[in-house]
Amino acid sequence: MPGERRSEQEIRREIAAEREQLADALAELRKGIDGKRRSAAAVVGVIAAACSAAAALMFVRRLRDG
């Protein structure tokens, strides 16, 4: 619409504001992804520790029975 022309500075301010919003959204997304990675790594660590403990118990039982 011809009567609603924006100045170059208004457009630049809008672009800068949108760029900040995009950067904030990206930062939040990265936090979420990092949190999921850490959770997955923790689960894998717990499973590995449990398997090691089970293997150690089986070894001790075999030594006792052996």
Protein backbone atom coordinates (compact mmCIF):
# COMPACT_ATOMS: atom_id res chain seq x y z
CA MET A 1 0.00 0.00 0.00
CA PRO A 2 1.50 3.33 -1.04
CA GLY A 3 0.39 5.22 2.09
CA GLU A 4 2.15 2.77 4.44
CA ARG A 5 5.72 3.05 3.24
CA ARG A 6 8.30 2.34 5.88
CA SER A 7 11.60 4.10 6.13
CA GLU A 8 14.87 2.25 5.64
CA GLN A 9 15.66 2.62 9.34
CA GLU A 10 12.31 1.09 10.34
CA ILE A 11 12.97 -1.88 8.10
CA ARG A 12 16.49 -2.23 9.52
CA ARG A 13 15.10 -2.16 13.10
CA GLU A 14 12.54 -4.82 12.25
CA ILE A 15 15.21 -7.02 10.67
CA ALA A 16 17.47 -6.57 13.69
CA ALA A 17 14.62 -7.48 16.06
CA GLU A 18 13.78 -10.55 14.01
CA ARG A 19 17.45 -11.54 13.96
CA GLU A 20 17.55 -11.35 17.78
CA GLN A 21 14.39 -13.44 18.05
CA LEU A 22 15.88 -16.02 15.72
CA ALA A 23 19.13 -16.12 17.70
CA ASP A 24 17.20 -16.58 20.96
CA ALA A 25 15.10 -19.37 19.47
CA LEU A 26 18.23 -21.09 18.16
CA ALA A 27 19.89 -20.85 21.59
CA GLU A 28 16.84 -22.45 23.22
CA LEU A 29 16.84 -25.21 20.62
CA ARG A 30 20.52 -25.91 21.25
CA LYS A 31 19.91 -26.09 25.01
CA GLY A 32 17.16 -28.63 24.45
CA ILE A 33 19.31 -30.75 22.16
CA ASP A 34 22.27 -30.64 24.56
CA GLY A 35 20.01 -31.66 27.44
CA LYS A 36 18.75 -34.65 25.49
CA ARG A 37 22.29 -35.66 24.57
CA ARG A 38 23.36 -35.49 28.20
CA SER A 39 20.34 -37.54 29.27
CA ALA A 40 21.09 -40.18 26.66
CA ALA A 41 24.73 -40.31 27.71
CA ALA A 42 23.71 -40.71 31.35
CA VAL A 43 21.37 -43.59 30.47
CA VAL A 44 24.11 -45.31 28.48
CA GLY A 45 26.50 -44.86 31.40
CA VAL A 46 24.04 -46.37 33.86
CA ILE A 47 23.40 -49.33 31.57
CA ALA A 48 27.15 -49.90 31.13
CA ALA A 49 27.69 -49.76 34.89
CA ALA A 50 24.84 -52.20 35.49
CA CYS A 51 26.23 -54.63 32.90
CA SER A 52 29.69 -54.40 34.47
CA ALA A 53 28.26 -55.03 37.92
CA ALA A 54 26.28 -58.03 36.67
CA ALA A 55 29.36 -59.46 34.95
CA ALA A 56 31.41 -59.00 38.11
CA LEU A 57 28.76 -60.77 40.20
CA MET A 58 28.65 -63.68 37.78
CA PHE A 59 32.46 -63.94 37.89
CA VAL A 60 32.48 -63.97 41.69
CA ARG A 61 29.75 -66.64 41.79
CA ARG A 62 31.72 -68.83 39.38
CA LEU A 63 34.83 -68.44 41.52
CA ARG A 64 32.90 -69.50 44.62
CA ASP A 65 31.28 -72.47 42.90
CA GLY A 66 34.39 -73.40 40.96
